[in-house]
Amino acid sequence: MVTRVIQNLSTGTAQQTKVIYEAEGATVILISEANGTITAIVTDATPAPPPDPATPEAAKIDIGHGPITPPASGASQSGFASTAAILCEQEWKYFGRQEYNANGAAIRVGHKEAEAEWAKKIGEYWSFGVNISGIDGTNTDHPWSAAFISWIMRSVRNNETLFRYSSRHAVFISQAIRQRLAGVEASFWGHRLNEHRPRVGDIVCYARESGVDYDHQKSGDYDGHSDIVVQVEESLIWVIGGNVGNSVTKRPLELDLNGYVKPGIVSGELLFAILECRIDQSEAQLADETSDAADPVGDVATPQTPSATANVIAWGKKVSAEFRARITAIAAGLSCDPSHLMAAMAFETGESFSASKTNPYSNATGLIQFMPKTAISLGTTINLLAEMNAVQQLDYVEKYMSPFSGKMNSLSDVYMAILYPKAVGKPEAQVLFSQGTIAYTQNAGLDTNDDGVVTKGEATSKVQAMLAKGLSTNLAG
């Protein structure tokens, strides 16, 4: 039997998964997790044929058009890359299996973004994938292809250090290219098309505007697109992406004689790079290293996260080297992403990172806009905070954030610790402020869909934009 484990599903997505796979004869068990998500355990109805270790075909599985090369030699089907491909296939089937041929012509038309049921699904891509609420498929002026990629990645494993979830492809594409060029350990490396042969779980990248290619990334600020590789055949690969023809679409890309993706224009977009998914290989290597290095007591050193290894954080070029080092140390102590702290402070200070930044209406002051009562509870005052330099004030940022140590696993939780501490750890749909209250009036600008309530996801959407901007090459450092 082949068993797949799919994690971090919403209730609706879990039921959808169950219907799709049970229709194909599989057995699906849904398990409710303590964090409110659901894990699906999918077991195929028919046993997989025994592998022949003498042939490469023994390491392949089948999901549709043909054999799928696994993400790494010896990697299990429950690995990150394979699970990402399975989720892509699931969403493609749910949207009606829309398929294009190599020339970009539709050979099967699926459900479209504005249809009610599927519009709601796209809303999940936005809310869970990139923490933005109030947008769904009916908001056709908001391209959702990057939210789809982020939803897939976050659904496989909700870990901000593994993938830079964003509503813009350029953010995670340019980051992966920078990481590869710098040679730092990271979950994704961005390669030129002739530098890496595609594997399942990799991401192919396109430019949707002129002047963009591998060597010209416009500081990570451009219109782009990306698809996830779900199948690898001898002369082509199959990829799945969102918002292609206003649906989730599968299409083929040709390989050259050496097995590399052919460059060129695909449906009017320049295909220029491929992001190598290195998660399974890195985890397999880590397992080997920790096994070899285990001492008699059984202590194993905790590996560095990709962001810590890379030592590149959002808005890093906006602050001093001393500030960067201090915020990185604070984030490590709080078990959160330093880029998330930087994005929150960029938002709170209007991108100034000024210790004396003051709100004229509330007197909130400094890097995270300390309220007067909060300052007193920390053993200081807003006047004293304003007299500090930014590095000195970070001591009080750390002191304020310390009660939330280990609880800030996402950008929204970091920001909630500042804005509305009761919402730390709560779902993105958690209502913070409702119309008719003073708190809502003061924060009405965060109500992105004007429905009279501000949710956790909505409140974070502008900080998410700050994170994306801060990760552009002219600001990250």
Protein backbone atom coordinates (compact mmCIF):
# COMPACT_ATOMS: atom_id res chain seq x y z
CA MET A 1 0.00 0.00 0.00
CA VAL A 2 1.09 3.58 -0.63
CA THR A 3 0.28 5.95 2.23
CA ARG A 4 0.46 9.72 2.04
CA VAL A 5 0.26 12.13 4.97
CA ILE A 6 -1.14 15.58 4.18
CA GLN A 7 -0.98 18.10 7.02
CA ASN A 8 -2.28 21.56 7.97
CA LEU A 9 -5.61 21.25 6.13
CA SER A 10 -8.65 23.38 6.88
CA THR A 11 -11.94 21.58 7.56
CA GLY A 12 -13.23 22.31 4.05
CA THR A 13 -10.01 21.23 2.35
CA ALA A 14 -9.85 18.06 4.44
CA GLN A 15 -13.38 17.07 3.38
CA GLN A 16 -12.49 17.89 -0.21
CA THR A 17 -9.40 15.68 0.03
CA LYS A 18 -11.49 12.84 1.42
CA VAL A 19 -14.07 13.06 -1.40
CA ILE A 20 -11.46 13.20 -4.17
CA TYR A 21 -9.32 10.30 -2.99
CA GLU A 22 -12.19 8.06 -1.88
CA ALA A 23 -13.69 8.50 -5.36
CA GLU A 24 -10.49 6.93 -6.67
CA GLY A 25 -10.75 3.99 -4.29
CA ALA A 26 -8.40 5.17 -1.56
CA THR A 27 -9.06 5.07 2.18
CA VAL A 28 -8.87 8.45 3.92
CA ILE A 29 -8.60 9.01 7.66
CA LEU A 30 -8.98 12.58 8.98
CA ILE A 31 -7.32 13.50 12.27
CA SER A 32 -8.04 16.77 14.10
CA GLU A 33 -4.89 18.37 15.47
CA ALA A 34 -4.54 20.51 18.59
CA ASN A 35 -3.78 23.63 16.51
CA GLY A 36 -7.16 23.43 14.77
CA THR A 37 -5.91 21.98 11.50
CA ILE A 38 -6.63 18.51 10.13
CA THR A 39 -4.22 15.82 8.95
CA ALA A 40 -5.35 13.45 6.19
CA ILE A 41 -3.86 9.96 5.96
CA VAL A 42 -4.50 8.64 2.45
CA THR A 43 -3.96 4.95 1.66
CA ASP A 44 -4.28 3.76 -1.93
CA ALA A 45 -6.66 0.87 -2.59
CA THR A 46 -4.19 -1.20 -4.57
CA PRO A 47 -0.72 -2.15 -3.40
CA ALA A 48 2.21 -0.60 -5.22
CA PRO A 49 4.23 -3.07 -7.33
CA PRO A 50 7.45 -4.26 -5.71
CA PRO A 51 10.41 -2.15 -6.84
CA ASP A 52 13.20 -3.59 -8.92
CA PRO A 53 16.38 -2.12 -7.43
CA ALA A 54 18.21 -2.76 -10.69
CA THR A 55 16.27 -0.11 -12.64
CA PRO A 56 15.72 3.63 -12.12
CA GLU A 57 12.01 3.06 -12.73
CA ALA A 58 11.83 1.39 -9.34
CA ALA A 59 12.08 4.82 -7.73
CA LYS A 60 9.06 6.27 -9.52
CA ILE A 61 5.38 6.61 -8.62
CA ASP A 62 2.39 7.34 -10.86
CA ILE A 63 -0.15 10.13 -10.47
CA GLY A 64 -1.71 10.56 -13.87
CA HIS A 65 0.17 11.18 -17.07
CA GLY A 66 3.20 9.02 -16.31
CA PRO A 67 6.03 8.30 -13.88
CA ILE A 68 7.05 10.89 -11.34
CA THR A 69 10.68 11.12 -10.37
CA PRO A 70 10.93 11.45 -6.58
CA PRO A 71 12.59 14.53 -5.11
CA ALA A 72 15.77 12.76 -4.09
CA SER A 73 17.28 9.33 -4.34
CA GLY A 74 15.74 7.18 -1.66
CA ALA A 75 13.26 9.83 -0.55
CA SER A 76 9.92 8.51 0.67
CA GLN A 77 6.60 9.44 -0.89
CA SER A 78 5.68 11.26 2.29
CA GLY A 79 8.55 13.72 1.67
CA PHE A 80 7.98 17.43 1.23
CA ALA A 81 8.35 17.50 -2.56
CA SER A 82 6.11 14.50 -3.25
CA THR A 83 3.43 15.74 -0.89
CA ALA A 84 3.48 19.15 -2.60
CA ALA A 85 2.90 17.39 -5.94
CA ILE A 86 0.04 15.35 -4.49
CA LEU A 87 -1.64 18.50 -3.16
CA CYS A 88 -1.25 20.19 -6.54
CA GLU A 89 -2.90 17.22 -8.24
CA GLN A 90 -5.71 17.30 -5.67
CA GLU A 91 -6.44 20.99 -6.26
CA TRP A 92 -6.24 20.49 -10.03
CA LYS A 93 -8.80 17.69 -9.85
CA TYR A 94 -11.05 19.78 -7.61
CA PHE A 95 -10.99 22.63 -10.14
CA GLY A 96 -12.11 20.27 -12.92
CA ARG A 97 -8.73 19.13 -14.35
CA GLN A 98 -8.17 22.09 -16.66
CA GLU A 99 -5.31 21.21 -19.00
CA TYR A 100 -3.31 23.05 -21.67
CA ASN A 101 -1.12 21.58 -24.38
CA ALA A 102 2.45 22.64 -25.16
CA ASN A 103 1.17 25.49 -27.34
CA GLY A 104 -0.94 26.96 -24.56
CA ALA A 105 -4.28 25.86 -25.99
CA ALA A 106 -6.90 24.44 -23.61
CA ILE A 107 -7.64 20.77 -24.21
CA ARG A 108 -9.87 20.52 -21.14
CA VAL A 109 -11.63 23.43 -19.40
CA GLY A 110 -12.20 23.37 -15.66
CA HIS A 111 -14.03 25.48 -13.10
CA LYS A 112 -13.25 29.18 -13.06
CA GLU A 113 -12.29 31.59 -10.30
CA ALA A 114 -15.57 33.51 -10.16
CA GLU A 115 -17.77 30.41 -9.67
CA ALA A 116 -19.03 30.54 -6.10
CA GLU A 117 -17.64 27.27 -4.75
CA TRP A 118 -14.24 27.74 -6.33
CA ALA A 119 -14.08 31.44 -5.51
CA LYS A 120 -14.38 30.43 -1.85
CA LYS A 121 -11.53 27.98 -2.29
CA ILE A 122 -9.34 30.75 -3.67
CA GLY A 123 -10.22 32.71 -0.55
CA GLU A 124 -8.54 29.90 1.41
CA TYR A 125 -5.43 30.27 -0.72
CA TRP A 126 -5.29 33.92 0.30
CA SER A 127 -6.14 33.50 3.99
CA PHE A 128 -4.02 30.45 4.80
CA GLY A 129 -1.36 30.85 2.13
CA VAL A 130 -0.40 34.47 2.72
CA ASN A 131 -2.46 35.57 5.75
CA ILE A 132 -4.66 37.95 3.77
CA SER A 133 -8.38 37.83 4.47
CA GLY A 134 -11.32 39.34 2.63
CA ILE A 135 -10.20 38.34 -0.90
CA ASP A 136 -11.52 35.42 -2.94
CA GLY A 137 -11.91 34.40 -6.58
CA THR A 138 -14.51 37.05 -7.27
CA ASN A 139 -11.86 39.74 -6.68
CA THR A 140 -10.51 39.31 -10.20
CA ASP A 141 -8.26 42.37 -9.90
CA HIS A 142 -6.12 40.44 -7.38
CA PRO A 143 -3.99 37.75 -9.12
CA TRP A 144 -3.94 34.65 -6.90
CA SER A 145 -1.24 32.47 -8.48
CA ALA A 146 1.40 33.27 -5.82
CA ALA A 147 -1.16 32.72 -3.06
CA PHE A 148 -1.79 29.26 -4.58
CA ILE A 149 1.93 28.39 -4.49
CA SER A 150 2.20 29.67 -0.91
CA TRP A 151 -0.90 27.69 0.12
CA ILE A 152 0.62 24.49 -1.27
CA MET A 153 3.91 25.06 0.51
CA ARG A 154 2.31 26.04 3.81
CA SER A 155 -0.14 23.11 3.65
CA VAL A 156 2.72 20.63 3.32
CA ARG A 157 4.57 22.10 6.26
CA ASN A 158 3.70 25.37 7.97
CA ASN A 159 7.19 26.70 8.60
CA GLU A 160 8.18 30.22 7.58
CA THR A 161 11.87 29.26 7.44
CA LEU A 162 11.23 26.72 4.68
CA PHE A 163 9.47 29.01 2.20
CA ARG A 164 8.90 32.74 1.91
CA TYR A 165 5.11 32.78 1.63
CA SER A 166 4.06 35.81 -0.40
CA SER A 167 1.34 37.15 -2.64
CA ARG A 168 4.05 38.06 -5.17
CA HIS A 169 6.16 35.44 -6.95
CA ALA A 170 9.11 37.83 -7.23
CA VAL A 171 9.61 37.74 -3.46
CA PHE A 172 10.35 34.02 -3.19
CA ILE A 173 11.97 33.78 -6.64
CA SER A 174 14.51 36.54 -6.03
CA GLN A 175 15.25 35.25 -2.54
CA ALA A 176 15.99 31.74 -3.84
CA ILE A 177 18.29 33.18 -6.51
CA ARG A 178 20.17 35.27 -3.93
CA GLN A 179 20.56 32.27 -1.65
CA ARG A 180 21.94 30.10 -4.42
CA LEU A 181 24.37 32.77 -5.64
CA ALA A 182 25.58 33.34 -2.07
CA GLY A 183 25.96 29.58 -1.56
CA VAL A 184 24.06 29.64 1.73
CA GLU A 185 22.07 26.66 2.96
CA ALA A 186 18.41 27.17 2.11
CA SER A 187 15.27 25.16 1.34
CA PHE A 188 15.08 26.49 -2.23
CA TRP A 189 17.87 27.51 -4.58
CA GLY A 190 17.17 29.49 -7.74
CA HIS A 191 19.03 28.18 -10.80
CA ARG A 192 19.24 29.14 -14.45
CA LEU A 193 17.28 26.68 -16.56
CA ASN A 194 20.45 25.01 -17.87
CA GLU A 195 21.95 24.53 -14.42
CA HIS A 196 19.46 22.15 -12.77
CA ARG A 197 17.43 19.24 -14.16
CA PRO A 198 13.85 19.46 -12.88
CA ARG A 199 12.49 17.18 -10.17
CA VAL A 200 9.11 16.85 -8.55
CA GLY A 201 8.55 19.69 -6.09
CA ASP A 202 10.73 22.17 -7.95
CA ILE A 203 9.20 25.48 -9.06
CA VAL A 204 9.54 26.91 -12.58
CA CYS A 205 9.56 30.70 -12.83
CA TYR A 206 8.30 33.16 -15.41
CA ALA A 207 8.53 36.95 -15.89
CA ARG A 208 5.39 38.85 -16.79
CA GLU A 209 7.14 42.11 -17.61
CA SER A 210 10.08 43.15 -19.76
CA GLY A 211 13.59 43.58 -18.40
CA VAL A 212 13.38 40.63 -16.00
CA ASP A 213 15.52 37.49 -16.23
CA TYR A 214 17.77 35.47 -13.94
CA ASP A 215 20.43 38.20 -13.76
CA HIS A 216 18.01 41.13 -13.65
CA GLN A 217 15.56 40.76 -10.77
CA LYS A 218 14.56 44.41 -10.30
CA SER A 219 15.24 44.14 -6.57
CA GLY A 220 12.55 41.43 -6.30
CA ASP A 221 9.84 43.88 -7.35
CA TYR A 222 8.20 42.75 -10.59
CA ASP A 223 5.22 40.84 -11.95
CA GLY A 224 5.92 37.14 -12.32
CA HIS A 225 4.43 33.68 -12.19
CA SER A 226 5.47 30.20 -11.08
CA ASP A 227 4.26 26.61 -11.35
CA ILE A 228 5.13 23.49 -9.36
CA VAL A 229 6.64 20.46 -11.10
CA VAL A 230 4.41 17.42 -10.51
CA GLN A 231 5.71 14.94 -13.09
CA VAL A 232 8.97 14.34 -14.93
CA GLU A 233 9.06 12.34 -18.14
CA GLU A 234 11.81 11.66 -20.65
CA SER A 235 11.20 14.66 -22.90
CA LEU A 236 8.90 16.89 -20.85
CA ILE A 237 7.66 17.81 -17.41
CA TRP A 238 4.14 18.53 -16.21
CA VAL A 239 3.55 21.57 -14.04
CA ILE A 240 0.53 22.86 -12.11
CA GLY A 241 -0.16 26.47 -11.28
CA GLY A 242 -2.96 28.66 -10.04
CA ASN A 243 -4.69 31.48 -11.90
CA VAL A 244 -3.67 30.03 -15.26
CA GLY A 245 -6.71 30.53 -17.45
CA ASN A 246 -8.57 31.63 -14.28
CA SER A 247 -8.30 28.12 -12.82
CA VAL A 248 -5.81 25.59 -11.46
CA THR A 249 -4.20 24.26 -14.62
CA LYS A 250 -1.82 21.50 -15.63
CA ARG A 251 0.44 21.98 -18.65
CA PRO A 252 3.60 20.47 -20.15
CA LEU A 253 7.01 22.07 -20.61
CA GLU A 254 9.55 20.61 -23.00
CA LEU A 255 13.01 19.38 -21.98
CA ASP A 256 16.11 19.61 -24.14
CA LEU A 257 18.29 16.62 -25.03
CA ASN A 258 20.23 17.03 -21.77
CA GLY A 259 17.11 16.99 -19.61
CA TYR A 260 16.94 20.71 -18.86
CA VAL A 261 13.80 22.83 -19.24
CA LYS A 262 13.87 24.65 -22.57
CA PRO A 263 13.91 28.45 -22.17
CA GLY A 264 11.51 30.59 -24.12
CA ILE A 265 8.17 32.36 -24.10
CA VAL A 266 5.29 30.32 -22.66
CA SER A 267 1.82 31.83 -23.11
CA GLY A 268 3.39 35.26 -23.41
CA GLU A 269 5.62 34.88 -20.33
CA LEU A 270 9.41 34.46 -20.22
CA LEU A 271 10.41 31.15 -18.62
CA PHE A 272 13.77 31.98 -17.05
CA ALA A 273 14.55 30.04 -13.84
CA ILE A 274 13.88 26.94 -11.77
CA LEU A 275 13.80 26.80 -7.99
CA GLU A 276 15.30 23.56 -6.69
CA CYS A 277 13.40 22.13 -3.72
CA ARG A 278 16.19 21.03 -1.37
CA ILE A 279 14.12 20.28 1.72
CA ASP A 280 14.08 16.49 1.45
CA GLN A 281 17.78 16.29 0.63
CA SER A 282 18.69 18.62 3.50
CA GLU A 283 16.60 16.68 6.00
CA ALA A 284 18.03 13.36 4.83
CA GLN A 285 21.55 14.75 5.19
CA LEU A 286 20.71 16.18 8.61
CA ALA A 287 19.40 12.79 9.72
CA ASP A 288 22.65 11.15 8.61
CA GLU A 289 24.78 13.78 10.31
CA THR A 290 22.90 13.69 13.61
CA SER A 291 22.97 9.89 13.57
CA ASP A 292 26.73 9.84 13.02
CA ALA A 293 27.37 12.58 15.56
CA ALA A 294 25.12 11.27 18.35
CA ASP A 295 26.96 10.99 21.67
CA PRO A 296 26.26 8.40 24.42
CA VAL A 297 23.93 10.81 26.20
CA GLY A 298 21.91 11.32 23.05
CA ASP A 299 22.29 15.09 22.78
CA VAL A 300 22.01 16.43 19.25
CA ALA A 301 22.81 20.01 18.29
CA THR A 302 19.90 21.98 16.88
CA PRO A 303 20.57 22.87 13.23
CA GLN A 304 20.38 26.46 12.07
CA THR A 305 17.34 27.52 10.13
CA PRO A 306 17.91 28.67 6.55
CA SER A 307 17.24 32.30 7.48
CA ALA A 308 19.72 32.15 10.32
CA THR A 309 22.35 30.54 8.14
CA ALA A 310 21.83 33.03 5.36
CA ASN A 311 21.99 35.92 7.87
CA VAL A 312 19.86 38.00 5.52
CA ILE A 313 16.76 39.62 6.97
CA ALA A 314 14.01 41.88 5.68
CA TRP A 315 14.88 45.59 5.82
CA GLY A 316 18.42 44.68 6.87
CA LYS A 317 19.94 47.39 4.67
CA LYS A 318 17.78 50.00 6.38
CA VAL A 319 19.43 49.52 9.80
CA SER A 320 22.95 49.27 11.21
CA ALA A 321 24.98 46.06 11.42
CA GLU A 322 24.67 46.27 15.22
CA PHE A 323 20.88 46.50 14.93
CA ARG A 324 20.77 43.48 12.58
CA ALA A 325 22.92 41.39 14.90
CA ARG A 326 20.81 42.33 17.92
CA ILE A 327 17.45 41.63 16.25
CA THR A 328 18.74 38.28 14.98
CA ALA A 329 19.77 37.32 18.52
CA ILE A 330 16.44 38.48 19.95
CA ALA A 331 14.50 36.47 17.35
CA ALA A 332 16.56 33.36 18.12
CA GLY A 333 15.73 33.74 21.81
CA LEU A 334 12.04 34.21 21.04
CA SER A 335 11.98 31.34 18.50
CA CYS A 336 10.57 33.54 15.76
CA ASP A 337 11.69 34.80 12.36
CA PRO A 338 13.80 37.99 12.55
CA SER A 339 12.29 39.14 9.24
CA HIS A 340 8.86 39.05 10.87
CA LEU A 341 10.03 41.34 13.66
CA MET A 342 11.61 43.66 11.11
CA ALA A 343 8.42 43.79 9.02
CA ALA A 344 6.34 44.63 12.11
CA MET A 345 8.73 47.42 13.12
CA ALA A 346 8.83 48.75 9.56
CA PHE A 347 5.04 49.00 9.62
CA GLU A 348 4.86 50.54 13.09
CA THR A 349 7.50 53.20 12.33
CA GLY A 350 6.55 54.01 8.74
CA GLU A 351 9.74 52.28 7.54
CA SER A 352 11.92 54.66 9.58
CA PHE A 353 13.04 52.27 12.37
CA SER A 354 13.18 55.36 14.55
CA ALA A 355 13.22 54.93 18.33
CA SER A 356 11.52 58.32 18.70
CA LYS A 357 8.71 57.76 16.21
CA THR A 358 5.52 58.96 17.97
CA ASN A 359 1.84 58.66 17.14
CA PRO A 360 0.38 62.16 17.73
CA TYR A 361 -3.03 60.76 18.70
CA SER A 362 -2.09 58.00 21.16
CA ASN A 363 1.48 59.02 22.13
CA ALA A 364 2.59 55.50 21.21
CA THR A 365 6.35 55.68 20.76
CA GLY A 366 9.23 53.79 19.24
CA LEU A 367 10.01 50.67 17.26
CA ILE A 368 6.83 48.80 18.19
CA GLN A 369 4.86 51.86 19.24
CA PHE A 370 4.95 51.35 23.02
CA MET A 371 1.85 52.79 24.71
CA PRO A 372 2.51 54.95 27.81
CA LYS A 373 1.10 52.33 30.21
CA THR A 374 3.08 49.59 28.50
CA ALA A 375 6.30 51.58 28.86
CA ILE A 376 5.67 52.01 32.58
CA SER A 377 5.02 48.28 33.00
CA LEU A 378 8.42 47.65 31.42
CA GLY A 379 10.15 49.97 33.89
CA THR A 380 10.53 53.01 31.64
CA THR A 381 8.51 55.83 30.06
CA ILE A 382 7.76 56.86 26.50
CA ASN A 383 9.95 59.95 27.00
CA LEU A 384 12.93 57.83 28.03
CA LEU A 385 12.27 55.43 25.15
CA ALA A 386 12.30 58.33 22.69
CA GLU A 387 15.72 59.44 23.98
CA MET A 388 17.27 56.02 23.29
CA ASN A 389 18.89 55.02 20.04
CA ALA A 390 17.30 52.16 18.11
CA VAL A 391 19.72 49.48 19.33
CA GLN A 392 19.21 50.48 22.97
CA GLN A 393 15.45 50.37 22.56
CA LEU A 394 15.65 46.79 21.29
CA ASP A 395 16.24 45.71 24.89
CA TYR A 396 12.69 46.86 25.67
CA VAL A 397 11.34 45.24 22.49
CA GLU A 398 12.81 41.96 23.72
CA LYS A 399 11.44 42.48 27.22
CA TYR A 400 7.96 43.21 25.87
CA MET A 401 7.95 40.24 23.47
CA SER A 402 9.42 37.69 25.91
CA PRO A 403 6.03 36.43 27.26
CA PHE A 404 5.24 35.26 23.72
CA SER A 405 8.48 33.30 23.26
CA GLY A 406 7.85 30.09 21.34
CA LYS A 407 4.32 31.17 20.41
CA MET A 408 5.07 33.44 17.43
CA ASN A 409 5.16 30.89 14.64
CA SER A 410 3.91 33.20 11.91
CA LEU A 411 4.04 36.80 10.82
CA SER A 412 0.50 37.35 12.08
CA ASP A 413 1.36 36.05 15.55
CA VAL A 414 4.37 38.39 15.74
CA TYR A 415 2.19 41.33 14.81
CA MET A 416 -0.62 40.25 17.14
CA ALA A 417 1.85 40.30 20.05
CA ILE A 418 2.18 44.02 19.33
CA LEU A 419 -1.33 44.95 18.24
CA TYR A 420 -3.66 42.53 20.03
CA PRO A 421 -1.89 39.97 22.26
CA LYS A 422 -5.06 37.96 22.93
CA ALA A 423 -5.02 36.84 19.28
CA VAL A 424 -1.58 35.21 19.38
CA GLY A 425 -2.09 31.59 18.34
CA LYS A 426 -5.67 32.21 17.21
CA PRO A 427 -6.98 31.43 13.67
CA GLU A 428 -6.56 34.03 10.94
CA ALA A 429 -10.35 34.54 10.91
CA GLN A 430 -10.33 35.66 14.56
CA VAL A 431 -12.26 38.94 14.86
CA LEU A 432 -10.27 41.67 16.61
CA PHE A 433 -12.47 44.76 16.24
CA SER A 434 -16.13 45.20 15.31
CA GLN A 435 -17.95 48.23 13.92
CA GLY A 436 -19.49 50.42 16.59
CA THR A 437 -16.54 50.25 18.97
CA ILE A 438 -13.76 52.78 19.56
CA ALA A 439 -11.18 50.12 18.75
CA TYR A 440 -12.76 49.55 15.34
CA THR A 441 -12.88 53.29 14.61
CA GLN A 442 -9.18 53.58 15.46
CA ASN A 443 -8.33 50.60 13.22
CA ALA A 444 -10.94 50.90 10.47
CA GLY A 445 -8.18 51.20 7.88
CA LEU A 446 -7.37 47.52 8.49
CA ASP A 447 -10.86 46.41 7.39
CA THR A 448 -9.78 45.51 3.86
CA ASN A 449 -13.18 44.22 2.67
CA ASP A 450 -15.29 46.84 4.51
CA ASP A 451 -17.50 44.25 6.19
CA GLY A 452 -17.51 45.96 9.58
CA VAL A 453 -14.99 43.67 11.28
CA VAL A 454 -11.22 43.49 11.36
CA THR A 455 -9.86 39.95 11.46
CA LYS A 456 -6.41 38.81 12.46
CA GLY A 457 -5.58 38.08 8.82
CA GLU A 458 -6.81 41.47 7.64
CA ALA A 459 -4.84 43.27 10.32
CA THR A 460 -1.68 41.51 9.19
CA SER A 461 -2.13 42.09 5.47
CA LYS A 462 -0.32 45.44 5.51
CA VAL A 463 2.52 43.96 7.55
CA GLN A 464 2.68 41.15 4.98
CA ALA A 465 3.19 43.83 2.34
CA MET A 466 5.98 45.30 4.46
CA LEU A 467 7.60 41.88 4.67
CA ALA A 468 7.46 41.43 0.89
CA LYS A 469 8.92 44.90 0.32
CA GLY A 470 11.63 44.40 2.94
CA LEU A 471 12.77 41.18 1.28
CA SER A 472 13.47 42.89 -2.05
CA THR A 473 17.15 42.91 -2.93
CA ASN A 474 17.60 46.63 -2.36
CA LEU A 475 16.32 46.38 1.23
CA ALA A 476 17.13 42.84 2.46
CA GLY A 477 20.52 42.46 4.05
